[in-house]
């Protein structure tokens, strides 16, 4: 059985990759196919996440065992986990985090299941647009995040308080402050 995955980015609008891969292949094989399709180097820690329909992350499949999970939690390693162990249904959503420091990701959906066929190695079936750059400087990413927050119309001065604050609305009794009287340290 062959799985056909469609891969998109929230950073680059015209970026699309479609990868066909055997359902019995490992997540490591899929990882290598994504690196090749995007022109990325294999020098970063990455993870796949199996997601709910609303992209909420569930199971994580890591490149290497980081020893961070509790004994109750299953640990999935890319080289040891077949894709069809965790992905069975069309429209299944996955996230591929390719830059863990800044949590930059690709969004993946199983767009088609092709029964009765096998693939020895993954194929790039469609390649459009330029891939997002693989890594960004952490400070640059933080500046971009802050700029986006400042440019976002949903966030304004009212986030931190009413920009039309009126001094008359302040309850000085609640702070044990007398209005207009100079500080007298003899009371202390």
N, C-alpha and C. Protein backbone atom coordinates (compact mmCIF):
# COMPACT_ATOMS: atom_id res chain seq x y z
N UNK A 1 0.85 -1.17 0.00
CA UNK A 1 0.00 0.00 0.00
C UNK A 1 0.90 1.24 0.00
N UNK A 2 0.49 2.25 -0.74
CA UNK A 2 1.25 3.49 -0.84
C UNK A 2 0.44 4.62 -0.23
N UNK A 3 1.11 5.45 0.55
CA UNK A 3 0.51 6.65 1.11
C UNK A 3 0.99 7.85 0.31
N UNK A 4 0.06 8.74 0.02
CA UNK A 4 0.39 9.99 -0.66
C UNK A 4 0.12 11.13 0.33
N UNK A 5 1.18 11.82 0.71
CA UNK A 5 1.07 12.91 1.69
C UNK A 5 1.23 14.26 1.01
N UNK A 6 0.40 15.22 1.39
CA UNK A 6 0.52 16.60 0.94
C UNK A 6 1.11 17.41 2.09
N UNK A 7 2.13 18.20 1.78
CA UNK A 7 2.87 18.95 2.80
C UNK A 7 2.78 20.44 2.47
N UNK A 8 2.40 21.23 3.47
CA UNK A 8 2.25 22.68 3.31
C UNK A 8 3.02 23.41 4.42
N UNK A 9 3.21 24.70 4.21
CA UNK A 9 3.89 25.54 5.20
C UNK A 9 3.03 26.76 5.50
N UNK A 10 3.04 27.21 6.75
CA UNK A 10 2.35 28.46 7.08
C UNK A 10 3.26 29.67 6.88
N UNK A 11 4.51 29.43 6.48
CA UNK A 11 5.45 30.52 6.25
C UNK A 11 5.55 30.93 4.79
N UNK A 12 5.35 29.98 3.87
CA UNK A 12 5.50 30.23 2.45
C UNK A 12 4.20 29.80 1.76
N UNK A 13 3.46 30.77 1.23
CA UNK A 13 2.13 30.49 0.68
C UNK A 13 2.12 29.50 -0.48
N UNK A 14 3.09 29.60 -1.38
CA UNK A 14 3.05 28.75 -2.57
C UNK A 14 3.84 27.45 -2.42
N UNK A 15 4.27 27.13 -1.20
CA UNK A 15 5.02 25.91 -0.95
C UNK A 15 4.08 24.71 -0.88
N UNK A 16 4.32 23.72 -1.72
CA UNK A 16 3.58 22.46 -1.69
C UNK A 16 4.56 21.35 -2.05
N UNK A 17 4.52 20.28 -1.28
CA UNK A 17 5.25 19.08 -1.62
C UNK A 17 4.27 17.91 -1.47
N UNK A 18 4.32 17.01 -2.43
CA UNK A 18 3.54 15.78 -2.35
C UNK A 18 4.53 14.63 -2.42
N UNK A 19 4.48 13.79 -1.41
CA UNK A 19 5.39 12.65 -1.32
C UNK A 19 4.58 11.37 -1.29
N UNK A 20 4.98 10.44 -2.15
CA UNK A 20 4.41 9.09 -2.11
C UNK A 20 5.44 8.19 -1.43
N UNK A 21 4.95 7.39 -0.48
CA UNK A 21 5.84 6.52 0.28
C UNK A 21 5.09 5.25 0.65
N UNK A 22 5.79 4.15 0.72
CA UNK A 22 5.18 2.89 1.09
C UNK A 22 4.68 2.98 2.53
N UNK A 23 3.50 2.44 2.79
CA UNK A 23 2.90 2.49 4.12
C UNK A 23 3.75 1.75 5.15
N UNK A 24 4.54 0.76 4.70
CA UNK A 24 5.42 0.01 5.61
C UNK A 24 6.76 0.70 5.86
N UNK A 25 7.00 1.82 5.20
CA UNK A 25 8.24 2.56 5.43
C UNK A 25 8.23 3.14 6.85
N UNK A 26 9.40 3.50 7.34
CA UNK A 26 9.49 4.08 8.68
C UNK A 26 9.33 5.60 8.60
N UNK A 27 9.06 6.17 9.75
CA UNK A 27 9.02 7.63 9.82
C UNK A 27 10.40 8.22 9.48
N UNK A 28 11.45 7.46 9.73
CA UNK A 28 12.78 7.93 9.35
C UNK A 28 12.90 8.03 7.83
N UNK A 29 12.35 7.07 7.11
CA UNK A 29 12.33 7.14 5.64
C UNK A 29 11.55 8.37 5.18
N UNK A 30 10.43 8.63 5.84
CA UNK A 30 9.61 9.80 5.52
C UNK A 30 10.37 11.09 5.82
N UNK A 31 11.04 11.11 6.95
CA UNK A 31 11.88 12.25 7.35
C UNK A 31 12.93 12.54 6.27
N UNK A 32 13.61 11.51 5.80
CA UNK A 32 14.64 11.67 4.75
C UNK A 32 14.02 12.20 3.45
N UNK A 33 12.82 11.71 3.11
CA UNK A 33 12.14 12.17 1.90
C UNK A 33 11.78 13.66 2.01
N UNK A 34 11.33 14.08 3.19
CA UNK A 34 11.00 15.50 3.40
C UNK A 34 12.25 16.36 3.28
N UNK A 35 13.35 15.91 3.89
CA UNK A 35 14.60 16.67 3.79
C UNK A 35 15.00 16.83 2.33
N UNK A 36 14.91 15.75 1.56
CA UNK A 36 15.27 15.80 0.15
C UNK A 36 14.33 16.73 -0.63
N UNK A 37 13.03 16.61 -0.38
CA UNK A 37 12.04 17.42 -1.09
C UNK A 37 12.19 18.92 -0.79
N UNK A 38 12.70 19.24 0.39
CA UNK A 38 12.85 20.64 0.80
C UNK A 38 14.27 21.16 0.61
N UNK A 39 15.21 20.27 0.33
CA UNK A 39 16.60 20.68 0.20
C UNK A 39 17.25 21.00 1.53
N UNK A 40 16.78 20.35 2.60
CA UNK A 40 17.31 20.59 3.93
C UNK A 40 18.48 19.66 4.23
N UNK A 41 19.37 20.13 5.10
CA UNK A 41 20.46 19.30 5.59
C UNK A 41 19.93 18.38 6.69
N UNK A 42 20.63 17.27 6.89
CA UNK A 42 20.22 16.32 7.94
C UNK A 42 21.08 16.58 9.19
N UNK A 43 20.95 17.78 9.76
CA UNK A 43 21.77 18.14 10.91
C UNK A 43 20.95 18.76 12.05
N UNK A 44 19.63 18.57 12.01
CA UNK A 44 18.76 19.15 13.04
C UNK A 44 17.94 18.06 13.71
N UNK A 45 17.60 18.28 14.96
CA UNK A 45 16.65 17.41 15.65
C UNK A 45 15.26 17.73 15.09
N UNK A 46 14.51 16.70 14.78
CA UNK A 46 13.18 16.89 14.23
C UNK A 46 12.21 15.93 14.92
N UNK A 47 10.94 16.21 14.77
CA UNK A 47 9.89 15.33 15.30
C UNK A 47 8.67 15.39 14.42
N UNK A 48 7.98 14.27 14.34
CA UNK A 48 6.64 14.21 13.77
C UNK A 48 5.67 14.19 14.93
N UNK A 49 4.49 14.73 14.70
CA UNK A 49 3.40 14.62 15.65
C UNK A 49 2.16 14.13 14.91
N UNK A 50 1.53 13.10 15.43
CA UNK A 50 0.23 12.68 14.93
C UNK A 50 -0.77 13.66 15.54
N UNK A 51 -1.69 14.17 14.73
CA UNK A 51 -2.58 15.24 15.21
C UNK A 51 -4.05 14.86 15.09
N UNK A 52 -4.82 15.56 15.89
CA UNK A 52 -6.28 15.50 15.77
C UNK A 52 -6.68 16.30 14.53
N UNK A 53 -7.97 16.29 14.19
CA UNK A 53 -8.45 17.05 13.03
C UNK A 53 -8.19 18.55 13.15
N UNK A 54 -8.12 19.05 14.39
CA UNK A 54 -7.89 20.48 14.61
C UNK A 54 -6.40 20.80 14.81
N UNK A 55 -5.53 19.88 14.42
CA UNK A 55 -4.08 20.00 14.49
C UNK A 55 -3.54 19.93 15.91
N UNK A 56 -4.34 19.53 16.87
CA UNK A 56 -3.84 19.35 18.23
C UNK A 56 -2.92 18.13 18.24
N UNK A 57 -1.73 18.31 18.79
CA UNK A 57 -0.71 17.26 18.80
C UNK A 57 -1.08 16.13 19.75
N UNK A 58 -0.83 14.89 19.29
CA UNK A 58 -1.00 13.71 20.13
C UNK A 58 0.36 13.03 20.27
N UNK A 59 0.55 11.90 19.59
CA UNK A 59 1.79 11.14 19.72
C UNK A 59 2.94 11.86 19.01
N UNK A 60 4.10 11.80 19.65
CA UNK A 60 5.31 12.36 19.06
C UNK A 60 6.21 11.22 18.60
N UNK A 61 6.79 11.38 17.42
CA UNK A 61 7.76 10.43 16.88
C UNK A 61 9.05 11.22 16.71
N UNK A 62 10.06 10.90 17.53
CA UNK A 62 11.29 11.68 17.55
C UNK A 62 12.39 11.03 16.73
N UNK A 63 13.33 11.84 16.34
CA UNK A 63 14.48 11.34 15.60
C UNK A 63 15.32 10.45 16.50
N UNK A 64 15.46 10.84 17.75
CA UNK A 64 16.22 10.06 18.72
C UNK A 64 15.50 10.08 20.06
N UNK A 65 15.72 9.03 20.84
CA UNK A 65 15.11 8.96 22.17
C UNK A 65 15.81 9.97 23.07
N UNK A 66 15.06 10.94 23.52
CA UNK A 66 15.62 11.99 24.37
C UNK A 66 15.44 11.67 25.85
N UNK A 67 14.81 10.53 26.16
CA UNK A 67 14.65 10.11 27.55
C UNK A 67 13.78 11.02 28.37
N UNK A 68 12.89 11.79 27.73
CA UNK A 68 12.08 12.76 28.47
C UNK A 68 10.70 12.26 28.84
N UNK A 69 10.33 11.09 28.35
CA UNK A 69 8.96 10.64 28.60
C UNK A 69 8.87 9.85 29.91
N UNK A 70 7.68 9.85 30.46
CA UNK A 70 7.43 9.08 31.68
C UNK A 70 7.23 7.62 31.30
N UNK A 71 7.24 6.74 32.27
CA UNK A 71 7.10 5.31 32.00
C UNK A 71 5.71 4.97 31.45
N UNK A 72 4.72 5.82 31.69
CA UNK A 72 3.37 5.59 31.20
C UNK A 72 3.21 5.99 29.74
N UNK A 73 4.12 6.77 29.22
CA UNK A 73 4.03 7.32 27.89
C UNK A 73 4.83 6.47 26.90
N UNK A 74 4.23 6.16 25.75
CA UNK A 74 4.95 5.44 24.72
C UNK A 74 5.97 6.36 24.07
N UNK A 75 7.13 5.80 23.76
CA UNK A 75 8.17 6.55 23.06
C UNK A 75 8.26 5.98 21.65
N UNK A 76 8.08 6.84 20.67
CA UNK A 76 8.17 6.43 19.28
C UNK A 76 9.43 7.05 18.67
N UNK A 77 10.28 6.21 18.11
CA UNK A 77 11.51 6.65 17.45
C UNK A 77 11.33 6.43 15.95
N UNK A 78 11.74 7.40 15.15
CA UNK A 78 11.51 7.34 13.71
C UNK A 78 12.01 6.05 13.07
N UNK A 79 13.22 5.64 13.40
CA UNK A 79 13.80 4.45 12.76
C UNK A 79 13.07 3.17 13.14
N UNK A 80 12.38 3.17 14.28
CA UNK A 80 11.72 1.96 14.78
C UNK A 80 10.21 1.94 14.55
N UNK A 81 9.66 3.00 13.97
CA UNK A 81 8.20 3.11 13.85
C UNK A 81 7.78 3.19 12.39
N UNK A 82 6.98 2.23 11.97
CA UNK A 82 6.45 2.25 10.61
C UNK A 82 5.33 3.28 10.54
N UNK A 83 5.20 3.90 9.39
CA UNK A 83 4.17 4.92 9.22
C UNK A 83 2.79 4.34 9.48
N UNK A 84 2.51 3.13 8.94
CA UNK A 84 1.18 2.56 9.10
C UNK A 84 0.90 2.05 10.52
N UNK A 85 1.89 2.11 11.41
CA UNK A 85 1.63 1.81 12.82
C UNK A 85 0.79 2.91 13.47
N UNK A 86 0.95 4.14 12.98
CA UNK A 86 0.27 5.28 13.59
C UNK A 86 -0.66 6.04 12.63
N UNK A 87 -0.52 5.80 11.33
CA UNK A 87 -1.32 6.49 10.33
C UNK A 87 -2.09 5.45 9.53
N UNK A 88 -3.41 5.53 9.59
CA UNK A 88 -4.23 4.52 8.91
C UNK A 88 -5.31 5.11 8.02
N UNK A 89 -5.74 6.33 8.30
CA UNK A 89 -6.92 6.89 7.63
C UNK A 89 -6.56 8.07 6.74
N UNK A 90 -7.23 8.14 5.60
CA UNK A 90 -7.10 9.33 4.75
C UNK A 90 -7.51 10.55 5.55
N UNK A 91 -6.88 11.64 5.25
CA UNK A 91 -7.08 12.95 5.91
C UNK A 91 -6.42 13.01 7.28
N UNK A 92 -5.68 11.96 7.67
CA UNK A 92 -4.92 12.02 8.93
C UNK A 92 -3.95 13.19 8.86
N UNK A 93 -3.85 13.94 9.91
CA UNK A 93 -2.98 15.12 9.95
C UNK A 93 -1.75 14.83 10.79
N UNK A 94 -0.62 15.37 10.33
CA UNK A 94 0.64 15.27 11.05
C UNK A 94 1.33 16.63 11.00
N UNK A 95 2.17 16.86 11.97
CA UNK A 95 3.04 18.05 11.97
C UNK A 95 4.47 17.54 11.99
N UNK A 96 5.30 18.14 11.15
CA UNK A 96 6.72 17.81 11.11
C UNK A 96 7.47 19.05 11.60
N UNK A 97 8.01 18.99 12.80
CA UNK A 97 8.77 20.12 13.36
C UNK A 97 10.20 19.97 12.90
N UNK A 98 10.64 20.90 12.04
CA UNK A 98 11.97 20.82 11.46
C UNK A 98 12.97 21.77 12.10
N UNK A 99 12.50 22.68 12.94
CA UNK A 99 13.37 23.59 13.66
C UNK A 99 12.83 23.65 15.10
N UNK A 100 13.34 22.76 15.94
CA UNK A 100 12.79 22.62 17.29
C UNK A 100 12.98 23.87 18.14
N UNK A 101 14.09 24.59 17.96
CA UNK A 101 14.36 25.76 18.79
C UNK A 101 13.27 26.82 18.63
N UNK A 102 12.82 27.02 17.42
CA UNK A 102 11.78 28.03 17.17
C UNK A 102 10.43 27.41 16.85
N UNK A 103 10.33 26.08 16.96
CA UNK A 103 9.11 25.32 16.72
C UNK A 103 8.49 25.61 15.36
N UNK A 104 9.33 25.69 14.34
CA UNK A 104 8.84 25.89 12.97
C UNK A 104 8.49 24.53 12.39
N UNK A 105 7.38 24.48 11.66
CA UNK A 105 6.81 23.20 11.27
C UNK A 105 6.28 23.20 9.84
N UNK A 106 6.09 21.98 9.35
CA UNK A 106 5.36 21.73 8.11
C UNK A 106 4.09 20.98 8.49
N UNK A 107 3.03 21.23 7.75
CA UNK A 107 1.74 20.61 8.02
C UNK A 107 1.48 19.56 6.95
N UNK A 108 1.17 18.35 7.40
CA UNK A 108 1.08 17.20 6.51
C UNK A 108 -0.30 16.57 6.63
N UNK A 109 -0.84 16.14 5.49
CA UNK A 109 -2.10 15.42 5.50
C UNK A 109 -1.97 14.22 4.57
N UNK A 110 -2.46 13.09 5.03
CA UNK A 110 -2.51 11.89 4.18
C UNK A 110 -3.64 12.12 3.18
N UNK A 111 -3.28 12.48 1.96
CA UNK A 111 -4.28 12.87 0.97
C UNK A 111 -4.84 11.70 0.19
N UNK A 112 -4.11 10.57 0.13
CA UNK A 112 -4.63 9.42 -0.61
C UNK A 112 -3.94 8.14 -0.15
N UNK A 113 -4.71 7.07 -0.10
CA UNK A 113 -4.17 5.73 0.15
C UNK A 113 -4.34 4.95 -1.15
N UNK A 114 -3.23 4.43 -1.67
CA UNK A 114 -3.26 3.69 -2.93
C UNK A 114 -3.02 2.21 -2.63
N UNK A 115 -4.09 1.41 -2.60
CA UNK A 115 -3.93 -0.01 -2.27
C UNK A 115 -3.35 -0.79 -3.46
N UNK A 116 -2.76 -1.93 -3.15
CA UNK A 116 -2.28 -2.82 -4.19
C UNK A 116 -0.98 -2.39 -4.86
N UNK A 117 -0.32 -1.39 -4.33
CA UNK A 117 0.96 -0.93 -4.89
C UNK A 117 1.99 -0.89 -3.78
N UNK A 118 3.25 -1.00 -4.17
CA UNK A 118 4.36 -0.89 -3.24
C UNK A 118 5.41 0.04 -3.82
N UNK A 119 6.16 0.69 -2.97
CA UNK A 119 7.27 1.54 -3.39
C UNK A 119 8.51 1.13 -2.62
N UNK A 120 9.62 0.97 -3.33
CA UNK A 120 10.87 0.64 -2.66
C UNK A 120 11.45 1.86 -1.94
N UNK A 121 11.27 3.03 -2.53
CA UNK A 121 11.71 4.27 -1.87
C UNK A 121 10.73 5.39 -2.17
N UNK A 122 10.74 6.38 -1.34
CA UNK A 122 9.81 7.50 -1.45
C UNK A 122 10.02 8.25 -2.76
N UNK A 123 8.92 8.82 -3.28
CA UNK A 123 8.95 9.62 -4.50
C UNK A 123 8.39 11.00 -4.20
N UNK A 124 9.01 12.01 -4.78
CA UNK A 124 8.47 13.36 -4.70
C UNK A 124 7.55 13.51 -5.91
N UNK A 125 6.24 13.51 -5.69
CA UNK A 125 5.27 13.54 -6.77
C UNK A 125 4.94 14.96 -7.24
N UNK A 126 5.17 15.93 -6.37
CA UNK A 126 4.87 17.34 -6.72
C UNK A 126 5.77 18.24 -5.89
N UNK A 127 6.29 19.26 -6.56
CA UNK A 127 7.20 20.19 -5.88
C UNK A 127 6.92 21.58 -6.41
N UNK A 128 6.29 22.40 -5.57
CA UNK A 128 5.97 23.78 -5.96
C UNK A 128 6.47 24.73 -4.89
N UNK A 129 6.94 25.87 -5.33
CA UNK A 129 7.38 26.91 -4.41
C UNK A 129 8.67 26.56 -3.71
N UNK A 130 9.22 27.57 -3.10
CA UNK A 130 10.47 27.42 -2.36
C UNK A 130 10.16 27.02 -0.92
N UNK A 131 10.92 26.08 -0.40
CA UNK A 131 10.73 25.64 0.99
C UNK A 131 11.14 26.76 1.94
N UNK A 132 10.50 26.83 3.11
CA UNK A 132 10.95 27.80 4.12
C UNK A 132 12.40 27.48 4.50
N UNK A 133 13.16 28.50 4.85
CA UNK A 133 14.54 28.23 5.23
C UNK A 133 14.54 27.29 6.43
N UNK A 134 15.57 26.44 6.48
CA UNK A 134 15.56 25.37 7.48
C UNK A 134 15.70 25.88 8.90
N UNK A 135 16.61 26.77 9.15
CA UNK A 135 16.79 27.30 10.50
C UNK A 135 16.88 28.82 10.44
N UNK A 136 16.44 29.43 11.49
CA UNK A 136 16.57 30.87 11.62
C UNK A 136 17.25 31.15 12.95
N UNK A 137 17.91 32.27 13.01
CA UNK A 137 18.54 32.70 14.25
C UNK A 137 17.44 32.93 15.29
N UNK A 138 17.64 32.45 16.50
CA UNK A 138 16.64 32.55 17.55
C UNK A 138 16.23 34.00 17.80
N UNK A 139 17.19 34.91 17.85
CA UNK A 139 16.87 36.32 18.10
C UNK A 139 16.04 36.89 16.96
N UNK A 140 16.37 36.51 15.73
CA UNK A 140 15.61 36.97 14.57
C UNK A 140 14.17 36.46 14.65
N UNK A 141 14.01 35.21 15.04
CA UNK A 141 12.68 34.63 15.18
C UNK A 141 11.88 35.36 16.26
N UNK A 142 12.52 35.68 17.37
CA UNK A 142 11.83 36.38 18.45
C UNK A 142 11.43 37.79 18.00
N UNK A 143 12.32 38.47 17.27
CA UNK A 143 11.99 39.81 16.76
C UNK A 143 10.79 39.74 15.82
N UNK A 144 10.78 38.73 14.96
CA UNK A 144 9.68 38.56 14.02
C UNK A 144 8.39 38.29 14.77
N UNK A 145 8.44 37.45 15.80
CA UNK A 145 7.26 37.14 16.60
C UNK A 145 6.73 38.41 17.27
N UNK A 146 7.63 39.19 17.85
CA UNK A 146 7.20 40.43 18.51
C UNK A 146 6.62 41.42 17.51
N UNK A 147 7.25 41.53 16.34
CA UNK A 147 6.74 42.43 15.30
C UNK A 147 5.35 41.99 14.86
N UNK A 148 5.16 40.68 14.68
CA UNK A 148 3.84 40.16 14.29
C UNK A 148 2.80 40.48 15.35
N UNK A 149 3.19 40.38 16.60
CA UNK A 149 2.24 40.70 17.69
C UNK A 149 1.90 42.17 17.69
N UNK A 150 2.90 43.02 17.41
CA UNK A 150 2.65 44.46 17.39
C UNK A 150 1.78 44.85 16.19
N UNK A 151 1.96 44.13 15.07
CA UNK A 151 1.20 44.43 13.86
C UNK A 151 -0.20 43.84 13.90
N UNK A 152 -0.44 42.90 14.80
CA UNK A 152 -1.72 42.20 14.86
C UNK A 152 -2.79 43.14 15.41
N UNK A 153 -3.86 43.30 14.66
CA UNK A 153 -4.93 44.21 15.07
C UNK A 153 -5.63 43.75 16.34
N UNK A 154 -5.58 42.45 16.64
CA UNK A 154 -6.26 41.94 17.82
C UNK A 154 -5.56 42.37 19.11
N UNK A 155 -4.30 42.70 19.01
CA UNK A 155 -3.55 43.10 20.20
C UNK A 155 -3.30 44.60 20.14
N UNK A 156 -3.80 45.30 21.11
CA UNK A 156 -3.54 46.73 21.18
C UNK A 156 -3.26 47.11 22.62
N UNK A 157 -3.29 48.37 22.90
CA UNK A 157 -2.98 48.83 24.25
C UNK A 157 -3.93 48.28 25.29
N UNK A 158 -5.12 47.89 24.88
CA UNK A 158 -6.08 47.39 25.86
C UNK A 158 -5.66 46.03 26.41
N UNK A 159 -4.69 45.37 25.76
CA UNK A 159 -4.19 44.10 26.28
C UNK A 159 -3.58 44.30 27.66
N UNK A 160 -2.92 45.41 27.86
CA UNK A 160 -2.24 45.69 29.13
C UNK A 160 -3.02 46.67 29.99
N UNK A 161 -4.15 47.06 29.58
CA UNK A 161 -4.96 48.00 30.34
C UNK A 161 -5.58 49.01 29.41
N UNK A 162 -6.53 49.70 29.89
CA UNK A 162 -7.25 50.66 29.08
C UNK A 162 -6.34 51.84 28.77
N UNK A 163 -6.15 52.12 27.49
CA UNK A 163 -5.28 53.23 27.10
C UNK A 163 -5.91 54.58 27.44
N UNK A 164 -7.22 54.58 27.71
CA UNK A 164 -7.90 55.81 28.10
C UNK A 164 -8.13 55.84 29.60
N UNK A 165 -7.11 55.43 30.35
CA UNK A 165 -7.19 55.35 31.81
C UNK A 165 -7.47 56.73 32.39
N UNK A 166 -8.36 56.77 33.38
CA UNK A 166 -8.74 58.01 34.04
C UNK A 166 -8.26 57.91 35.49
N UNK A 167 -7.40 58.84 35.91
CA UNK A 167 -6.87 58.84 37.27
C UNK A 167 -7.97 58.87 38.33
N UNK A 168 -9.11 59.47 38.00
CA UNK A 168 -10.21 59.57 38.97
C UNK A 168 -10.79 58.20 39.30
N UNK A 169 -10.55 57.20 38.44
CA UNK A 169 -11.11 55.87 38.66
C UNK A 169 -10.27 55.05 39.64
N UNK A 170 -9.10 55.52 40.02
CA UNK A 170 -8.21 54.79 40.91
C UNK A 170 -8.72 54.87 42.35
N UNK A 171 -8.86 53.71 42.97
CA UNK A 171 -9.32 53.64 44.36
C UNK A 171 -8.09 53.71 45.27
N UNK A 172 -7.78 54.91 45.74
CA UNK A 172 -6.60 55.10 46.57
C UNK A 172 -6.73 54.42 47.93
N UNK A 173 -7.95 54.27 48.44
CA UNK A 173 -8.15 53.62 49.73
C UNK A 173 -7.66 52.18 49.69
N UNK A 174 -7.83 51.53 48.58
CA UNK A 174 -7.41 50.14 48.45
C UNK A 174 -5.90 49.97 48.53
N UNK A 175 -5.17 51.03 48.25
CA UNK A 175 -3.71 50.97 48.30
C UNK A 175 -3.15 51.65 49.55
N UNK A 176 -4.02 52.11 50.41
CA UNK A 176 -3.62 52.81 51.62
C UNK A 176 -2.73 54.00 51.28
N UNK A 177 -3.16 54.77 50.27
CA UNK A 177 -2.42 55.94 49.81
C UNK A 177 -3.33 57.14 50.01
N UNK A 178 -2.78 58.19 50.60
CA UNK A 178 -3.58 59.40 50.75
C UNK A 178 -3.38 60.25 49.52
N UNK A 179 -4.41 60.93 49.13
CA UNK A 179 -4.37 61.71 47.89
C UNK A 179 -3.65 63.03 48.12
N UNK A 180 -2.55 63.22 47.41
CA UNK A 180 -1.85 64.50 47.40
C UNK A 180 -1.01 64.80 48.62
N UNK A 181 -0.99 63.98 49.66
CA UNK A 181 -0.19 64.27 50.85
C UNK A 181 1.23 63.75 50.63
N UNK A 182 2.19 64.54 51.05
CA UNK A 182 3.59 64.09 50.89
C UNK A 182 3.86 62.87 51.75
N UNK A 183 4.87 62.12 51.34
CA UNK A 183 5.27 60.90 52.04
C UNK A 183 5.79 61.26 53.41
N UNK A 184 5.28 60.58 54.44
CA UNK A 184 5.71 60.81 55.79
C UNK A 184 6.26 59.50 56.35
N UNK A 185 7.59 59.41 56.48
CA UNK A 185 8.18 58.13 56.93
C UNK A 185 8.18 58.00 58.46
N UNK A 186 7.65 58.97 59.17
CA UNK A 186 7.62 58.85 60.63
C UNK A 186 6.59 57.81 61.08
N UNK A 187 5.68 57.47 60.20
CA UNK A 187 4.69 56.45 60.54
C UNK A 187 5.26 55.05 60.53
N UNK A 188 6.48 54.88 60.08
CA UNK A 188 7.04 53.54 59.91
C UNK A 188 8.17 53.26 60.85
